[in-house]
Amino acid sequence: ERGSGHPILRDTTSEGLPRSYSGVTYWNYGMLPQTWEAPVGDPPGDRDPLDIVDLGSKIRKVGEIVPVRIIGALPLVDTGEMDWKLLGIAEDECDQFESDDVFHLLENTNMV
């Protein structure tokens, strides 16, 4: 909950309800603390921390802090706001991949 002093925030819908996801997730999803997407530009940023998708194969614990090597970024527009998704590989898994090419990586994780 925002403002509770807890550093881990639950993603919410525009109505303020906890966001839930159905189906299988093939990646770890998190955010970079002390960052945010400024509400400027067209479309404006969503005022949330930058999101990161860890494309490695390890399942991480909720709240685990993991050093990540950024390999790409996806600009998405969500309900009229810019919502960047950084793509990365956890540092402890980088040696498993032969290429820094994100498409090669996705092929190795069965996501394309």
N, C-alpha and C. Protein backbone atom coordinates (compact mmCIF):
# COMPACT_ATOMS: atom_id res chain seq x y z
N GLU A 1 0.84 -1.18 0.00
CA GLU A 1 0.00 0.00 0.00
C GLU A 1 0.89 1.24 0.00
N ARG A 2 0.63 2.18 -0.87
CA ARG A 2 1.42 3.40 -0.93
C ARG A 2 1.29 4.19 0.37
N GLY A 3 2.40 4.74 0.80
CA GLY A 3 2.40 5.58 1.99
C GLY A 3 2.50 4.81 3.28
N SER A 4 2.54 3.51 3.25
CA SER A 4 2.59 2.72 4.48
C SER A 4 4.01 2.61 5.02
N GLY A 5 5.00 3.11 4.29
CA GLY A 5 6.39 2.98 4.70
C GLY A 5 7.03 1.70 4.22
N HIS A 6 6.25 0.81 3.63
CA HIS A 6 6.77 -0.45 3.10
C HIS A 6 7.32 -0.19 1.70
N PRO A 7 8.55 -0.65 1.40
CA PRO A 7 9.16 -0.34 0.09
C PRO A 7 8.56 -1.11 -1.08
N ILE A 8 7.79 -2.18 -0.84
CA ILE A 8 7.23 -2.97 -1.92
C ILE A 8 5.78 -2.55 -2.12
N LEU A 9 5.47 -2.11 -3.33
CA LEU A 9 4.14 -1.61 -3.63
C LEU A 9 3.40 -2.60 -4.51
N ARG A 10 2.13 -2.74 -4.27
CA ARG A 10 1.27 -3.60 -5.10
C ARG A 10 0.75 -2.76 -6.25
N ASP A 11 0.86 -3.28 -7.47
CA ASP A 11 0.34 -2.60 -8.64
C ASP A 11 -1.18 -2.56 -8.54
N THR A 12 -1.78 -1.42 -8.87
CA THR A 12 -3.22 -1.27 -8.78
C THR A 12 -3.81 -0.85 -10.11
N THR A 13 -5.10 -1.07 -10.25
CA THR A 13 -5.83 -0.63 -11.43
C THR A 13 -6.11 0.87 -11.31
N SER A 14 -6.66 1.46 -12.37
CA SER A 14 -6.99 2.89 -12.32
C SER A 14 -8.07 3.17 -11.27
N GLU A 15 -8.81 2.14 -10.85
CA GLU A 15 -9.81 2.31 -9.80
C GLU A 15 -9.22 2.12 -8.40
N GLY A 16 -7.91 1.85 -8.32
CA GLY A 16 -7.26 1.68 -7.03
C GLY A 16 -7.34 0.28 -6.46
N LEU A 17 -7.85 -0.67 -7.23
CA LEU A 17 -7.95 -2.05 -6.77
C LEU A 17 -6.66 -2.80 -7.09
N PRO A 18 -6.30 -3.82 -6.28
CA PRO A 18 -5.10 -4.59 -6.60
C PRO A 18 -5.21 -5.22 -7.98
N ARG A 19 -4.14 -5.09 -8.78
CA ARG A 19 -4.13 -5.67 -10.11
C ARG A 19 -3.80 -7.15 -10.00
N SER A 20 -4.56 -7.97 -10.69
CA SER A 20 -4.27 -9.41 -10.70
C SER A 20 -4.03 -9.84 -12.14
N TYR A 21 -3.22 -10.86 -12.28
CA TYR A 21 -2.85 -11.38 -13.59
C TYR A 21 -3.24 -12.84 -13.64
N SER A 22 -3.80 -13.25 -14.77
CA SER A 22 -4.16 -14.66 -14.91
C SER A 22 -3.20 -15.30 -15.91
N GLY A 23 -3.09 -16.60 -15.84
CA GLY A 23 -2.24 -17.32 -16.77
C GLY A 23 -0.82 -17.47 -16.25
N VAL A 24 -0.01 -18.12 -17.07
CA VAL A 24 1.37 -18.40 -16.72
C VAL A 24 2.23 -17.18 -17.04
N THR A 25 3.14 -16.85 -16.15
CA THR A 25 4.11 -15.78 -16.40
C THR A 25 5.47 -16.42 -16.61
N TYR A 26 6.12 -16.07 -17.72
CA TYR A 26 7.38 -16.69 -18.09
C TYR A 26 8.59 -15.85 -17.69
N TRP A 27 8.41 -14.87 -16.85
CA TRP A 27 9.50 -13.99 -16.48
C TRP A 27 9.25 -13.44 -15.08
N ASN A 28 10.28 -12.86 -14.51
CA ASN A 28 10.15 -12.13 -13.25
C ASN A 28 9.85 -10.68 -13.60
N TYR A 29 8.98 -10.06 -12.85
CA TYR A 29 8.54 -8.70 -13.13
C TYR A 29 8.75 -7.86 -11.89
N GLY A 30 9.37 -6.70 -12.07
CA GLY A 30 9.62 -5.84 -10.92
C GLY A 30 9.76 -4.40 -11.34
N MET A 31 10.40 -3.64 -10.48
CA MET A 31 10.59 -2.22 -10.77
C MET A 31 11.94 -1.77 -10.22
N LEU A 32 12.39 -0.62 -10.73
CA LEU A 32 13.63 -0.03 -10.25
C LEU A 32 13.27 1.04 -9.23
N PRO A 33 13.61 0.81 -7.95
CA PRO A 33 13.25 1.80 -6.93
C PRO A 33 13.94 3.13 -7.19
N GLN A 34 13.33 4.18 -6.70
CA GLN A 34 13.83 5.55 -6.81
C GLN A 34 13.92 6.02 -8.25
N THR A 35 13.07 5.47 -9.12
CA THR A 35 12.91 5.97 -10.48
C THR A 35 11.43 6.24 -10.67
N TRP A 36 11.10 7.03 -11.68
CA TRP A 36 9.70 7.21 -12.02
C TRP A 36 9.60 7.77 -13.42
N GLU A 37 8.42 7.58 -14.02
CA GLU A 37 8.17 8.08 -15.36
C GLU A 37 7.43 9.40 -15.23
N ALA A 38 8.14 10.48 -15.54
CA ALA A 38 7.61 11.84 -15.35
C ALA A 38 6.35 12.06 -16.20
N PRO A 39 5.38 12.77 -15.65
CA PRO A 39 4.12 13.01 -16.37
C PRO A 39 4.24 14.13 -17.40
N VAL A 40 5.25 14.04 -18.25
CA VAL A 40 5.46 15.03 -19.32
C VAL A 40 5.54 14.30 -20.64
N GLY A 41 5.41 15.03 -21.73
CA GLY A 41 5.52 14.42 -23.05
C GLY A 41 4.16 14.03 -23.58
N ASP A 42 4.18 13.43 -24.77
CA ASP A 42 2.94 13.00 -25.40
C ASP A 42 3.12 11.59 -25.93
N PRO A 43 2.65 10.57 -25.27
CA PRO A 43 1.84 10.62 -24.06
C PRO A 43 2.71 10.84 -22.82
N PRO A 44 2.11 11.34 -21.75
CA PRO A 44 2.89 11.56 -20.52
C PRO A 44 3.23 10.24 -19.82
N GLY A 45 4.28 10.27 -19.01
CA GLY A 45 4.65 9.10 -18.22
C GLY A 45 3.59 8.78 -17.19
N ASP A 46 3.60 7.54 -16.69
CA ASP A 46 2.54 7.08 -15.78
C ASP A 46 2.80 7.35 -14.31
N ARG A 47 3.89 8.05 -13.99
CA ARG A 47 4.23 8.44 -12.60
C ARG A 47 4.60 7.24 -11.72
N ASP A 48 4.85 6.10 -12.32
CA ASP A 48 5.25 4.90 -11.58
C ASP A 48 6.75 4.68 -11.74
N PRO A 49 7.36 3.87 -10.86
CA PRO A 49 8.76 3.50 -11.09
C PRO A 49 8.90 2.76 -12.41
N LEU A 50 10.10 2.80 -12.98
CA LEU A 50 10.36 2.05 -14.22
C LEU A 50 10.20 0.56 -13.97
N ASP A 51 9.47 -0.10 -14.85
CA ASP A 51 9.24 -1.54 -14.75
C ASP A 51 10.42 -2.28 -15.39
N ILE A 52 10.69 -3.46 -14.86
CA ILE A 52 11.72 -4.30 -15.46
C ILE A 52 11.22 -5.73 -15.57
N VAL A 53 11.51 -6.34 -16.70
CA VAL A 53 11.19 -7.74 -16.96
C VAL A 53 12.51 -8.50 -17.00
N ASP A 54 12.72 -9.37 -16.01
CA ASP A 54 13.91 -10.21 -15.95
C ASP A 54 13.62 -11.47 -16.76
N LEU A 55 14.30 -11.63 -17.88
CA LEU A 55 14.03 -12.73 -18.80
C LEU A 55 14.83 -13.98 -18.48
N GLY A 56 15.48 -14.01 -17.34
CA GLY A 56 16.23 -15.20 -16.94
C GLY A 56 15.31 -16.35 -16.59
N SER A 57 15.88 -17.49 -16.26
CA SER A 57 15.10 -18.70 -16.01
C SER A 57 14.82 -18.96 -14.54
N LYS A 58 15.50 -18.27 -13.63
CA LYS A 58 15.30 -18.52 -12.20
C LYS A 58 14.02 -17.85 -11.72
N ILE A 59 13.33 -18.54 -10.84
CA ILE A 59 12.15 -17.97 -10.19
C ILE A 59 12.64 -17.21 -8.97
N ARG A 60 12.30 -15.95 -8.88
CA ARG A 60 12.76 -15.09 -7.78
C ARG A 60 11.68 -14.96 -6.72
N LYS A 61 12.11 -14.65 -5.50
CA LYS A 61 11.17 -14.43 -4.40
C LYS A 61 10.61 -13.02 -4.47
N VAL A 62 9.40 -12.85 -3.99
CA VAL A 62 8.79 -11.52 -3.92
C VAL A 62 9.67 -10.63 -3.05
N GLY A 63 10.02 -9.46 -3.57
CA GLY A 63 10.84 -8.51 -2.83
C GLY A 63 12.34 -8.72 -2.95
N GLU A 64 12.76 -9.78 -3.62
CA GLU A 64 14.19 -10.06 -3.77
C GLU A 64 14.85 -8.96 -4.61
N ILE A 65 15.99 -8.50 -4.17
CA ILE A 65 16.75 -7.48 -4.90
C ILE A 65 17.78 -8.19 -5.75
N VAL A 66 17.71 -7.98 -7.08
CA VAL A 66 18.55 -8.71 -8.02
C VAL A 66 19.25 -7.74 -8.96
N PRO A 67 20.59 -7.71 -9.00
CA PRO A 67 21.29 -6.90 -10.01
C PRO A 67 20.97 -7.44 -11.40
N VAL A 68 20.62 -6.54 -12.31
CA VAL A 68 20.17 -6.93 -13.64
C VAL A 68 20.96 -6.17 -14.71
N ARG A 69 21.31 -6.86 -15.80
CA ARG A 69 21.93 -6.22 -16.95
C ARG A 69 20.82 -5.89 -17.95
N ILE A 70 20.66 -4.60 -18.26
CA ILE A 70 19.62 -4.16 -19.19
C ILE A 70 20.06 -4.50 -20.61
N ILE A 71 19.15 -5.13 -21.38
CA ILE A 71 19.48 -5.49 -22.76
C ILE A 71 18.53 -4.85 -23.77
N GLY A 72 17.50 -4.17 -23.29
CA GLY A 72 16.57 -3.53 -24.21
C GLY A 72 15.46 -2.82 -23.46
N ALA A 73 14.58 -2.19 -24.20
CA ALA A 73 13.44 -1.48 -23.61
C ALA A 73 12.27 -1.50 -24.58
N LEU A 74 11.08 -1.53 -24.03
CA LEU A 74 9.85 -1.49 -24.82
C LEU A 74 9.02 -0.29 -24.38
N PRO A 75 8.72 0.62 -25.29
CA PRO A 75 7.82 1.72 -24.93
C PRO A 75 6.37 1.28 -25.17
N LEU A 76 5.58 1.26 -24.13
CA LEU A 76 4.17 0.88 -24.23
C LEU A 76 3.29 2.05 -23.81
N VAL A 77 2.11 2.13 -24.38
CA VAL A 77 1.13 3.12 -23.94
C VAL A 77 0.00 2.35 -23.27
N ASP A 78 -0.25 2.67 -22.00
CA ASP A 78 -1.27 2.00 -21.21
C ASP A 78 -2.26 3.05 -20.71
N THR A 79 -3.48 2.95 -21.14
CA THR A 79 -4.55 3.91 -20.80
C THR A 79 -4.09 5.36 -20.98
N GLY A 80 -3.45 5.62 -22.13
CA GLY A 80 -3.04 6.97 -22.47
C GLY A 80 -1.77 7.47 -21.81
N GLU A 81 -1.06 6.61 -21.09
CA GLU A 81 0.18 7.01 -20.43
C GLU A 81 1.34 6.13 -20.91
N MET A 82 2.52 6.75 -21.02
CA MET A 82 3.72 6.01 -21.40
C MET A 82 4.14 5.12 -20.24
N ASP A 83 4.44 3.87 -20.54
CA ASP A 83 4.80 2.89 -19.53
C ASP A 83 5.95 2.03 -20.06
N TRP A 84 7.19 2.47 -19.83
CA TRP A 84 8.37 1.78 -20.33
C TRP A 84 8.57 0.46 -19.60
N LYS A 85 8.96 -0.56 -20.34
CA LYS A 85 9.34 -1.86 -19.78
C LYS A 85 10.80 -2.09 -20.16
N LEU A 86 11.67 -2.13 -19.17
CA LEU A 86 13.07 -2.45 -19.42
C LEU A 86 13.20 -3.97 -19.46
N LEU A 87 13.97 -4.47 -20.41
CA LEU A 87 14.21 -5.91 -20.53
C LEU A 87 15.62 -6.20 -20.03
N GLY A 88 15.77 -7.20 -19.20
CA GLY A 88 17.08 -7.49 -18.65
C GLY A 88 17.27 -8.95 -18.30
N ILE A 89 18.50 -9.24 -17.96
CA ILE A 89 18.90 -10.57 -17.49
C ILE A 89 19.60 -10.37 -16.15
N ALA A 90 19.22 -11.16 -15.16
CA ALA A 90 19.88 -11.09 -13.86
C ALA A 90 21.37 -11.38 -14.04
N GLU A 91 22.19 -10.63 -13.34
CA GLU A 91 23.65 -10.79 -13.47
C GLU A 91 24.10 -12.23 -13.22
N ASP A 92 23.43 -12.94 -12.32
CA ASP A 92 23.86 -14.31 -12.03
C ASP A 92 23.44 -15.31 -13.11
N GLU A 93 22.79 -14.83 -14.19
CA GLU A 93 22.41 -15.71 -15.29
C GLU A 93 22.97 -15.26 -16.63
N CYS A 94 23.68 -14.14 -16.67
CA CYS A 94 24.18 -13.59 -17.94
C CYS A 94 25.09 -14.55 -18.68
N ASP A 95 25.86 -15.35 -17.97
CA ASP A 95 26.81 -16.24 -18.65
C ASP A 95 26.12 -17.39 -19.38
N GLN A 96 24.82 -17.58 -19.18
CA GLN A 96 24.09 -18.65 -19.86
C GLN A 96 23.66 -18.28 -21.27
N PHE A 97 23.80 -17.02 -21.62
CA PHE A 97 23.33 -16.55 -22.91
C PHE A 97 24.50 -16.15 -23.78
N GLU A 98 24.49 -16.59 -25.03
CA GLU A 98 25.59 -16.34 -25.94
C GLU A 98 25.47 -15.01 -26.66
N SER A 99 24.34 -14.37 -26.57
CA SER A 99 24.08 -13.18 -27.38
C SER A 99 23.43 -12.10 -26.53
N ASP A 100 23.71 -10.85 -26.88
CA ASP A 100 23.01 -9.74 -26.25
C ASP A 100 21.79 -9.34 -27.07
N ASP A 101 21.49 -10.10 -28.12
CA ASP A 101 20.35 -9.83 -28.98
C ASP A 101 19.07 -10.31 -28.29
N VAL A 102 18.16 -9.41 -28.02
CA VAL A 102 16.95 -9.76 -27.27
C VAL A 102 16.12 -10.81 -27.99
N PHE A 103 16.09 -10.81 -29.32
CA PHE A 103 15.30 -11.81 -30.04
C PHE A 103 15.91 -13.20 -29.88
N HIS A 104 17.23 -13.29 -29.87
CA HIS A 104 17.90 -14.56 -29.63
C HIS A 104 17.55 -15.05 -28.22
N LEU A 105 17.58 -14.14 -27.27
CA LEU A 105 17.26 -14.47 -25.91
C LEU A 105 15.82 -15.00 -25.79
N LEU A 106 14.88 -14.32 -26.41
CA LEU A 106 13.49 -14.74 -26.33
C LEU A 106 13.28 -16.11 -26.94
N GLU A 107 14.00 -16.42 -28.01
CA GLU A 107 13.90 -17.74 -28.61
C GLU A 107 14.37 -18.80 -27.61
N ASN A 108 15.41 -18.50 -26.84
CA ASN A 108 15.93 -19.44 -25.86
C ASN A 108 15.02 -19.63 -24.66
N THR A 109 14.09 -18.72 -24.44
CA THR A 109 13.17 -18.82 -23.30
C THR A 109 11.79 -19.27 -23.73
N ASN A 110 11.63 -19.65 -25.00
CA ASN A 110 10.35 -20.13 -25.54
C ASN A 110 9.25 -19.08 -25.44
N MET A 111 9.58 -17.81 -25.55
CA MET A 111 8.56 -16.76 -25.48
C MET A 111 8.16 -16.24 -26.85
N VAL A 112 8.81 -16.70 -27.92
CA VAL A 112 8.40 -16.30 -29.27
C VAL A 112 8.20 -17.53 -30.12
